[in-house]
Amino acid sequence: QQVPTTRENMVERIRNACAETPTDMLLSCVQSFEKRINKCIEVEGKNF
């Protein structure tokens, strides 16, 4: 693996990695994140 050398290089590598990630996997990650955020709001930041 390459070590990012600049901010632009890191942004490019992240974009490339996202482009290579299957759409259904990205969608699943977003949905899971939304569920966790909503649960955190529901319990007012306490453990759940």
Protein backbone atom coordinates (compact mmCIF):
# COMPACT_ATOMS: atom_id res chain seq x y z
CA GLN A 1 0.00 0.00 0.00
CA GLN A 2 1.03 3.52 -0.72
CA VAL A 3 1.22 6.12 2.01
CA PRO A 4 -0.81 9.24 1.08
CA THR A 5 1.54 12.12 0.38
CA THR A 6 -0.89 15.01 0.10
CA ARG A 7 -4.48 15.86 0.94
CA GLU A 8 -5.36 15.61 -2.75
CA ASN A 9 -3.76 12.18 -2.98
CA MET A 10 -5.75 10.96 0.01
CA VAL A 11 -9.02 12.33 -1.44
CA GLU A 12 -8.29 10.62 -4.77
CA ARG A 13 -7.55 7.29 -3.07
CA ILE A 14 -10.75 7.47 -0.99
CA ARG A 15 -12.79 8.24 -4.12
CA ASN A 16 -11.19 5.33 -5.97
CA ALA A 17 -11.89 2.96 -3.07
CA CYS A 18 -15.54 4.07 -2.96
CA ALA A 19 -15.87 3.59 -6.71
CA GLU A 20 -14.58 0.02 -6.33
CA THR A 21 -16.95 -0.79 -3.45
CA PRO A 22 -20.19 -2.55 -4.45
CA THR A 23 -23.22 -0.25 -4.32
CA ASP A 24 -25.19 -2.62 -2.08
CA MET A 25 -22.38 -2.60 0.48
CA LEU A 26 -22.27 1.22 0.55
CA LEU A 27 -26.07 1.35 0.89
CA SER A 28 -25.95 -1.13 3.77
CA CYS A 29 -23.32 0.99 5.55
CA VAL A 30 -25.39 4.15 5.17
CA GLN A 31 -28.55 2.44 6.42
CA SER A 32 -26.73 0.96 9.40
CA PHE A 33 -25.24 4.34 10.27
CA GLU A 34 -28.68 5.99 10.07
CA LYS A 35 -30.17 3.36 12.39
CA ARG A 36 -27.40 3.89 14.93
CA ILE A 37 -27.72 7.68 14.80
CA ASN A 38 -31.50 7.49 15.24
CA LYS A 39 -31.13 5.10 18.18
CA CYS A 40 -28.58 7.43 19.78
CA ILE A 41 -31.03 10.33 19.41
CA GLU A 42 -33.85 8.19 20.81
CA VAL A 43 -31.91 7.38 24.00
CA GLU A 44 -30.56 10.94 24.23
CA GLY A 45 -26.94 9.90 23.85
CA LYS A 46 -27.01 7.22 26.55
CA ASN A 47 -25.88 3.64 26.02
CA PHE A 48 -28.18 1.42 24.02
